[in-house]
Each structure stands twice: as structure tokens, then as C-alpha cells.
Amino acid sequence: LAAYYRKIPVAHVEAGLRSGNIHHPWPEEVNRK
């Protein structure tokens, strides 16, 4: 988010993991989304 605020492109390693439940795991599911 800090990079986005400065318009610096972000590369995300281990992207796309989804449990489908924003409370499991919490708060990680929302962080990665």
C-alpha cells in the first residue's frame, strides 16, 4: 500500500491464495486480497 501511494509498481510473491472466507485465516485473507 505504501508503494501504491507513491505509484511504485508492486510484485506479489505467493499471489492468488484464497480461502473464500475473510475471517479464515484472519486477517490474512483480506491482506492478500
ModelCIF file with pLDDT and N, C-alpha, C, O atoms, coordinates in Angstrom:
data_MODEL
#
_entry.id   MODEL 
#
_entity.id                         1 
_entity.type                       polymer 
_entity.pdbx_number_of_molecules   1 
#
_entity_poly.entity_id                      1 
_entity_poly.type                           'polypeptide(L)' 
_entity_poly.nstd_linkage                   no 
_entity_poly.nstd_monomer                   no 
_entity_poly.pdbx_seq_one_letter_code       LAAYYRKIPVAHVEAGLRSGNIHHPWPEEVNRK 
_entity_poly.pdbx_seq_one_letter_code_can   LAAYYRKIPVAHVEAGLRSGNIHHPWPEEVNRK 
_entity_poly.pdbx_strand_id                 A 
#
loop_
_entity_poly_seq.entity_id 
_entity_poly_seq.num 
_entity_poly_seq.mon_id 
_entity_poly_seq.hetero 
1 1  LEU n 
1 2  ALA n 
1 3  ALA n 
1 4  TYR n 
1 5  TYR n 
1 6  ARG n 
1 7  LYS n 
1 8  ILE n 
1 9  PRO n 
1 10 VAL n 
1 11 ALA n 
1 12 HIS n 
1 13 VAL n 
1 14 GLU n 
1 15 ALA n 
1 16 GLY n 
1 17 LEU n 
1 18 ARG n 
1 19 SER n 
1 20 GLY n 
1 21 ASN n 
1 22 ILE n 
1 23 HIS n 
1 24 HIS n 
1 25 PRO n 
1 26 TRP n 
1 27 PRO n 
1 28 GLU n 
1 29 GLU n 
1 30 VAL n 
1 31 ASN n 
1 32 ARG n 
1 33 LYS n 
#
_struct_asym.id          A 
_struct_asym.entity_id   1 
#
loop_
_ma_qa_metric.id 
_ma_qa_metric.mode 
_ma_qa_metric.name 
_ma_qa_metric.software_group_id 
_ma_qa_metric.type 
1 global pLDDT . pLDDT 
2 local  pLDDT . pLDDT 
#
_ma_qa_metric_global.metric_id      1 
_ma_qa_metric_global.metric_value   94.64 
_ma_qa_metric_global.model_id       1 
_ma_qa_metric_global.ordinal_id     1 
#
loop_
_ma_qa_metric_local.label_asym_id 
_ma_qa_metric_local.label_comp_id 
_ma_qa_metric_local.label_seq_id 
_ma_qa_metric_local.metric_id 
_ma_qa_metric_local.metric_value 
_ma_qa_metric_local.model_id 
_ma_qa_metric_local.ordinal_id 
A LEU 1  2 98.00 1 1  
A ALA 2  2 98.00 1 2  
A ALA 3  2 98.00 1 3  
A TYR 4  2 98.00 1 4  
A TYR 5  2 98.00 1 5  
A ARG 6  2 98.00 1 6  
A LYS 7  2 98.00 1 7  
A ILE 8  2 98.00 1 8  
A PRO 9  2 98.00 1 9  
A VAL 10 2 98.00 1 10 
A ALA 11 2 98.00 1 11 
A HIS 12 2 98.00 1 12 
A VAL 13 2 98.00 1 13 
A GLU 14 2 97.00 1 14 
A ALA 15 2 98.00 1 15 
A GLY 16 2 96.00 1 16 
A LEU 17 2 94.00 1 17 
A ARG 18 2 93.00 1 18 
A SER 19 2 87.00 1 19 
A GLY 20 2 89.00 1 20 
A ASN 21 2 91.00 1 21 
A ILE 22 2 93.00 1 22 
A HIS 23 2 90.00 1 23 
A HIS 24 2 83.00 1 24 
A PRO 25 2 83.00 1 25 
A TRP 26 2 88.00 1 26 
A PRO 27 2 92.00 1 27 
A GLU 28 2 93.00 1 28 
A GLU 29 2 95.00 1 29 
A VAL 30 2 96.00 1 30 
A ASN 31 2 97.00 1 31 
A ARG 32 2 97.00 1 32 
A LYS 33 2 97.00 1 33 
#
loop_
_atom_site.group_PDB 
_atom_site.id 
_atom_site.type_symbol 
_atom_site.label_atom_id 
_atom_site.label_alt_id 
_atom_site.label_comp_id 
_atom_site.label_asym_id 
_atom_site.label_entity_id 
_atom_site.label_seq_id 
_atom_site.pdbx_PDB_ins_code 
_atom_site.Cartn_x 
_atom_site.Cartn_y 
_atom_site.Cartn_z 
_atom_site.occupancy 
_atom_site.B_iso_or_equiv 
_atom_site.pdbx_formal_charge 
_atom_site.auth_seq_id 
_atom_site.auth_comp_id 
_atom_site.auth_asym_id 
_atom_site.auth_atom_id 
_atom_site.pdbx_PDB_model_num 
ATOM 1   N N  . LEU A 1 1  ? 0.823   -1.208  0.000  1.00 98.00 ? 1  LEU A N  1 
ATOM 2   C CA . LEU A 1 1  ? 0.000   0.000   0.000  1.00 98.00 ? 1  LEU A CA 1 
ATOM 3   C C  . LEU A 1 1  ? 0.859   1.261   0.000  1.00 98.00 ? 1  LEU A C  1 
ATOM 4   O O  . LEU A 1 1  ? 0.541   2.229   -0.691 1.00 98.00 ? 1  LEU A O  1 
ATOM 5   N N  . ALA A 1 2  ? 1.941   1.252   0.770  1.00 98.00 ? 2  ALA A N  1 
ATOM 6   C CA . ALA A 1 2  ? 2.844   2.401   0.779  1.00 98.00 ? 2  ALA A CA 1 
ATOM 7   C C  . ALA A 1 2  ? 3.454   2.629   -0.606 1.00 98.00 ? 2  ALA A C  1 
ATOM 8   O O  . ALA A 1 2  ? 3.630   3.768   -1.037 1.00 98.00 ? 2  ALA A O  1 
ATOM 9   N N  . ALA A 1 3  ? 3.773   1.529   -1.298 1.00 98.00 ? 3  ALA A N  1 
ATOM 10  C CA . ALA A 1 3  ? 4.299   1.660   -2.668 1.00 98.00 ? 3  ALA A CA 1 
ATOM 11  C C  . ALA A 1 3  ? 3.231   2.206   -3.601 1.00 98.00 ? 3  ALA A C  1 
ATOM 12  O O  . ALA A 1 3  ? 3.511   3.078   -4.424 1.00 98.00 ? 3  ALA A O  1 
ATOM 13  N N  . TYR A 1 4  ? 2.021   1.707   -3.481 1.00 98.00 ? 4  TYR A N  1 
ATOM 14  C CA . TYR A 1 4  ? 0.922   2.187   -4.324 1.00 98.00 ? 4  TYR A CA 1 
ATOM 15  C C  . TYR A 1 4  ? 0.691   3.681   -4.139 1.00 98.00 ? 4  TYR A C  1 
ATOM 16  O O  . TYR A 1 4  ? 0.437   4.397   -5.107 1.00 98.00 ? 4  TYR A O  1 
ATOM 17  N N  . TYR A 1 5  ? 0.778   4.148   -2.908 1.00 98.00 ? 5  TYR A N  1 
ATOM 18  C CA . TYR A 1 5  ? 0.593   5.579   -2.657 1.00 98.00 ? 5  TYR A CA 1 
ATOM 19  C C  . TYR A 1 5  ? 1.635   6.417   -3.384 1.00 98.00 ? 5  TYR A C  1 
ATOM 20  O O  . TYR A 1 5  ? 1.406   7.596   -3.653 1.00 98.00 ? 5  TYR A O  1 
ATOM 21  N N  . ARG A 1 6  ? 2.776   5.817   -3.702 1.00 98.00 ? 6  ARG A N  1 
ATOM 22  C CA . ARG A 1 6  ? 3.850   6.524   -4.413 1.00 98.00 ? 6  ARG A CA 1 
ATOM 23  C C  . ARG A 1 6  ? 3.927   6.128   -5.890 1.00 98.00 ? 6  ARG A C  1 
ATOM 24  O O  . ARG A 1 6  ? 4.862   6.508   -6.595 1.00 98.00 ? 6  ARG A O  1 
ATOM 25  N N  . LYS A 1 7  ? 2.943   5.366   -6.345 1.00 98.00 ? 7  LYS A N  1 
ATOM 26  C CA . LYS A 1 7  ? 2.872   4.906   -7.732 1.00 98.00 ? 7  LYS A CA 1 
ATOM 27  C C  . LYS A 1 7  ? 4.092   4.088   -8.122 1.00 98.00 ? 7  LYS A C  1 
ATOM 28  O O  . LYS A 1 7  ? 4.547   4.135   -9.265 1.00 98.00 ? 7  LYS A O  1 
ATOM 29  N N  . ILE A 1 8  ? 4.622   3.331   -7.150 1.00 98.00 ? 8  ILE A N  1 
ATOM 30  C CA . ILE A 1 8  ? 5.713   2.390   -7.410 1.00 98.00 ? 8  ILE A CA 1 
ATOM 31  C C  . ILE A 1 8  ? 5.077   1.027   -7.661 1.00 98.00 ? 8  ILE A C  1 
ATOM 32  O O  . ILE A 1 8  ? 4.290   0.568   -6.833 1.00 98.00 ? 8  ILE A O  1 
ATOM 33  N N  . PRO A 1 9  ? 5.391   0.364   -8.771 1.00 98.00 ? 9  PRO A N  1 
ATOM 34  C CA . PRO A 1 9  ? 4.748   -0.923  -9.053 1.00 98.00 ? 9  PRO A CA 1 
ATOM 35  C C  . PRO A 1 9  ? 5.136   -1.991  -8.028 1.00 98.00 ? 9  PRO A C  1 
ATOM 36  O O  . PRO A 1 9  ? 6.259   -2.027  -7.524 1.00 98.00 ? 9  PRO A O  1 
ATOM 37  N N  . VAL A 1 10 ? 4.172   -2.848  -7.744 1.00 98.00 ? 10 VAL A N  1 
ATOM 38  C CA . VAL A 1 10 ? 4.325   -3.893  -6.734 1.00 98.00 ? 10 VAL A CA 1 
ATOM 39  C C  . VAL A 1 10 ? 4.312   -5.261  -7.404 1.00 98.00 ? 10 VAL A C  1 
ATOM 40  O O  . VAL A 1 10 ? 3.471   -5.536  -8.259 1.00 98.00 ? 10 VAL A O  1 
ATOM 41  N N  . ALA A 1 11 ? 5.249   -6.111  -7.008 1.00 98.00 ? 11 ALA A N  1 
ATOM 42  C CA . ALA A 1 11 ? 5.251   -7.518  -7.400 1.00 98.00 ? 11 ALA A CA 1 
ATOM 43  C C  . ALA A 1 11 ? 4.897   -8.346  -6.171 1.00 98.00 ? 11 ALA A C  1 
ATOM 44  O O  . ALA A 1 11 ? 5.472   -8.165  -5.098 1.00 98.00 ? 11 ALA A O  1 
ATOM 45  N N  . HIS A 1 12 ? 3.949   -9.251  -6.342 1.00 98.00 ? 12 HIS A N  1 
ATOM 46  C CA . HIS A 1 12 ? 3.406   -10.019 -5.220 1.00 98.00 ? 12 HIS A CA 1 
ATOM 47  C C  . HIS A 1 12 ? 3.806   -11.484 -5.370 1.00 98.00 ? 12 HIS A C  1 
ATOM 48  O O  . HIS A 1 12 ? 3.327   -12.179 -6.266 1.00 98.00 ? 12 HIS A O  1 
ATOM 49  N N  . VAL A 1 13 ? 4.684   -11.942 -4.489 1.00 98.00 ? 13 VAL A N  1 
ATOM 50  C CA . VAL A 1 13 ? 5.088   -13.348 -4.449 1.00 98.00 ? 13 VAL A CA 1 
ATOM 51  C C  . VAL A 1 13 ? 4.070   -14.123 -3.615 1.00 98.00 ? 13 VAL A C  1 
ATOM 52  O O  . VAL A 1 13 ? 3.632   -13.650 -2.566 1.00 98.00 ? 13 VAL A O  1 
ATOM 53  N N  . GLU A 1 14 ? 3.698   -15.305 -4.079 1.00 97.00 ? 14 GLU A N  1 
ATOM 54  C CA . GLU A 1 14 ? 2.663   -16.139 -3.461 1.00 97.00 ? 14 GLU A CA 1 
ATOM 55  C C  . GLU A 1 14 ? 1.304   -15.450 -3.580 1.00 97.00 ? 14 GLU A C  1 
ATOM 56  O O  . GLU A 1 14 ? 0.566   -15.316 -2.603 1.00 97.00 ? 14 GLU A O  1 
ATOM 57  N N  . ALA A 1 15 ? 1.003   -15.028 -4.774 1.00 98.00 ? 15 ALA A N  1 
ATOM 58  C CA . ALA A 1 15 ? -0.252  -14.335 -5.058 1.00 98.00 ? 15 ALA A CA 1 
ATOM 59  C C  . ALA A 1 15 ? -1.358  -15.335 -5.365 1.00 98.00 ? 15 ALA A C  1 
ATOM 60  O O  . ALA A 1 15 ? -1.104  -16.445 -5.832 1.00 98.00 ? 15 ALA A O  1 
ATOM 61  N N  . GLY A 1 16 ? -2.591  -14.917 -5.093 1.00 96.00 ? 16 GLY A N  1 
ATOM 62  C CA . GLY A 1 16 ? -3.751  -15.674 -5.526 1.00 96.00 ? 16 GLY A CA 1 
ATOM 63  C C  . GLY A 1 16 ? -4.280  -16.696 -4.543 1.00 96.00 ? 16 GLY A C  1 
ATOM 64  O O  . GLY A 1 16 ? -5.237  -17.402 -4.863 1.00 96.00 ? 16 GLY A O  1 
ATOM 65  N N  . LEU A 1 17 ? -3.699  -16.804 -3.365 1.00 94.00 ? 17 LEU A N  1 
ATOM 66  C CA . LEU A 1 17 ? -4.244  -17.727 -2.382 1.00 94.00 ? 17 LEU A CA 1 
ATOM 67  C C  . LEU A 1 17 ? -5.567  -17.189 -1.858 1.00 94.00 ? 17 LEU A C  1 
ATOM 68  O O  . LEU A 1 17 ? -5.664  -16.022 -1.481 1.00 94.00 ? 17 LEU A O  1 
ATOM 69  N N  . ARG A 1 18 ? -6.566  -18.028 -1.838 1.00 93.00 ? 18 ARG A N  1 
ATOM 70  C CA . ARG A 1 18 ? -7.885  -17.604 -1.377 1.00 93.00 ? 18 ARG A CA 1 
ATOM 71  C C  . ARG A 1 18 ? -8.555  -18.754 -0.620 1.00 93.00 ? 18 ARG A C  1 
ATOM 72  O O  . ARG A 1 18 ? -8.621  -19.884 -1.103 1.00 93.00 ? 18 ARG A O  1 
ATOM 73  N N  . SER A 1 19 ? -9.045  -18.438 0.569  1.00 87.00 ? 19 SER A N  1 
ATOM 74  C CA . SER A 1 19 ? -9.866  -19.403 1.296  1.00 87.00 ? 19 SER A CA 1 
ATOM 75  C C  . SER A 1 19 ? -11.338 -19.185 0.993  1.00 87.00 ? 19 SER A C  1 
ATOM 76  O O  . SER A 1 19 ? -12.147 -20.100 1.148  1.00 87.00 ? 19 SER A O  1 
ATOM 77  N N  . GLY A 1 20 ? -11.698 -17.960 0.556  1.00 89.00 ? 20 GLY A N  1 
ATOM 78  C CA . GLY A 1 20 ? -13.085 -17.623 0.312  1.00 89.00 ? 20 GLY A CA 1 
ATOM 79  C C  . GLY A 1 20 ? -13.830 -17.148 1.546  1.00 89.00 ? 20 GLY A C  1 
ATOM 80  O O  . GLY A 1 20 ? -15.040 -16.925 1.499  1.00 89.00 ? 20 GLY A O  1 
ATOM 81  N N  . ASN A 1 21 ? -13.110 -16.992 2.651  1.00 91.00 ? 21 ASN A N  1 
ATOM 82  C CA . ASN A 1 21 ? -13.727 -16.553 3.908  1.00 91.00 ? 21 ASN A CA 1 
ATOM 83  C C  . ASN A 1 21 ? -12.837 -15.480 4.515  1.00 91.00 ? 21 ASN A C  1 
ATOM 84  O O  . ASN A 1 21 ? -11.695 -15.756 4.882  1.00 91.00 ? 21 ASN A O  1 
ATOM 85  N N  . ILE A 1 22 ? -13.352 -14.252 4.625  1.00 93.00 ? 22 ILE A N  1 
ATOM 86  C CA . ILE A 1 22 ? -12.495 -13.153 5.076  1.00 93.00 ? 22 ILE A CA 1 
ATOM 87  C C  . ILE A 1 22 ? -12.110 -13.265 6.551  1.00 93.00 ? 22 ILE A C  1 
ATOM 88  O O  . ILE A 1 22 ? -11.278 -12.495 7.031  1.00 93.00 ? 22 ILE A O  1 
ATOM 89  N N  . HIS A 1 23 ? -12.699 -14.206 7.266  1.00 90.00 ? 23 HIS A N  1 
ATOM 90  C CA . HIS A 1 23 ? -12.352 -14.392 8.671  1.00 90.00 ? 23 HIS A CA 1 
ATOM 91  C C  . HIS A 1 23 ? -11.507 -15.639 8.915  1.00 90.00 ? 23 HIS A C  1 
ATOM 92  O O  . HIS A 1 23 ? -11.131 -15.908 10.056 1.00 90.00 ? 23 HIS A O  1 
ATOM 93  N N  . HIS A 1 24 ? -11.201 -16.406 7.868  1.00 83.00 ? 24 HIS A N  1 
ATOM 94  C CA . HIS A 1 24 ? -10.383 -17.611 7.994  1.00 83.00 ? 24 HIS A CA 1 
ATOM 95  C C  . HIS A 1 24 ? -9.470  -17.705 6.775  1.00 83.00 ? 24 HIS A C  1 
ATOM 96  O O  . HIS A 1 24 ? -9.989  -17.984 5.694  1.00 83.00 ? 24 HIS A O  1 
ATOM 97  N N  . PRO A 1 25 ? -8.180  -17.500 6.854  1.00 83.00 ? 25 PRO A N  1 
ATOM 98  C CA . PRO A 1 25 ? -7.480  -17.007 8.043  1.00 83.00 ? 25 PRO A CA 1 
ATOM 99  C C  . PRO A 1 25 ? -7.653  -15.493 8.180  1.00 83.00 ? 25 PRO A C  1 
ATOM 100 O O  . PRO A 1 25 ? -7.792  -14.770 7.194  1.00 83.00 ? 25 PRO A O  1 
ATOM 101 N N  . TRP A 1 26 ? -7.640  -15.054 9.398  1.00 88.00 ? 26 TRP A N  1 
ATOM 102 C CA . TRP A 1 26 ? -7.868  -13.642 9.724  1.00 88.00 ? 26 TRP A CA 1 
ATOM 103 C C  . TRP A 1 26 ? -6.623  -13.066 10.373 1.00 88.00 ? 26 TRP A C  1 
ATOM 104 O O  . TRP A 1 26 ? -6.089  -13.669 11.304 1.00 88.00 ? 26 TRP A O  1 
ATOM 105 N N  . PRO A 1 27 ? -6.135  -11.900 9.905  1.00 92.00 ? 27 PRO A N  1 
ATOM 106 C CA . PRO A 1 27 ? -6.647  -11.033 8.831  1.00 92.00 ? 27 PRO A CA 1 
ATOM 107 C C  . PRO A 1 27 ? -6.003  -11.298 7.473  1.00 92.00 ? 27 PRO A C  1 
ATOM 108 O O  . PRO A 1 27 ? -6.117  -10.482 6.559  1.00 92.00 ? 27 PRO A O  1 
ATOM 109 N N  . GLU A 1 28 ? -5.332  -12.431 7.343  1.00 93.00 ? 28 GLU A N  1 
ATOM 110 C CA . GLU A 1 28 ? -4.521  -12.663 6.152  1.00 93.00 ? 28 GLU A CA 1 
ATOM 111 C C  . GLU A 1 28 ? -5.326  -12.692 4.856  1.00 93.00 ? 28 GLU A C  1 
ATOM 112 O O  . GLU A 1 28 ? -4.848  -12.230 3.820  1.00 93.00 ? 28 GLU A O  1 
ATOM 113 N N  . GLU A 1 29 ? -6.550  -13.233 4.906  1.00 95.00 ? 29 GLU A N  1 
ATOM 114 C CA . GLU A 1 29 ? -7.338  -13.309 3.675  1.00 95.00 ? 29 GLU A CA 1 
ATOM 115 C C  . GLU A 1 29 ? -7.573  -11.927 3.079  1.00 95.00 ? 29 GLU A C  1 
ATOM 116 O O  . GLU A 1 29 ? -7.466  -11.752 1.865  1.00 95.00 ? 29 GLU A O  1 
ATOM 117 N N  . VAL A 1 30 ? -7.888  -10.953 3.909  1.00 96.00 ? 30 VAL A N  1 
ATOM 118 C CA . VAL A 1 30 ? -8.097  -9.595  3.408  1.00 96.00 ? 30 VAL A CA 1 
ATOM 119 C C  . VAL A 1 30 ? -6.774  -8.950  3.009  1.00 96.00 ? 30 VAL A C  1 
ATOM 120 O O  . VAL A 1 30 ? -6.716  -8.233  2.010  1.00 96.00 ? 30 VAL A O  1 
ATOM 121 N N  . ASN A 1 31 ? -5.710  -9.194  3.774  1.00 97.00 ? 31 ASN A N  1 
ATOM 122 C CA . ASN A 1 31 ? -4.401  -8.617  3.420  1.00 97.00 ? 31 ASN A CA 1 
ATOM 123 C C  . ASN A 1 31 ? -4.003  -8.984  1.999  1.00 97.00 ? 31 ASN A C  1 
ATOM 124 O O  . ASN A 1 31 ? -3.596  -8.121  1.222  1.00 97.00 ? 31 ASN A O  1 
ATOM 125 N N  . ARG A 1 32 ? -4.118  -10.261 1.659  1.00 97.00 ? 32 ARG A N  1 
ATOM 126 C CA . ARG A 1 32 ? -3.649  -10.668 0.332  1.00 97.00 ? 32 ARG A CA 1 
ATOM 127 C C  . ARG A 1 32 ? -4.604  -10.209 -0.764 1.00 97.00 ? 32 ARG A C  1 
ATOM 128 O O  . ARG A 1 32 ? -4.176  -9.965  -1.892 1.00 97.00 ? 32 ARG A O  1 
ATOM 129 N N  . LYS A 1 33 ? -5.887  -10.088 -0.450 1.00 97.00 ? 33 LYS A N  1 
ATOM 130 C CA . LYS A 1 33 ? -6.827  -9.570  -1.443 1.00 97.00 ? 33 LYS A CA 1 
ATOM 131 C C  . LYS A 1 33 ? -6.540  -8.100  -1.736 1.00 97.00 ? 33 LYS A C  1 
ATOM 132 O O  . LYS A 1 33 ? -7.229  -7.487  -2.550 1.00 97.00 ? 33 LYS A O  1 
#
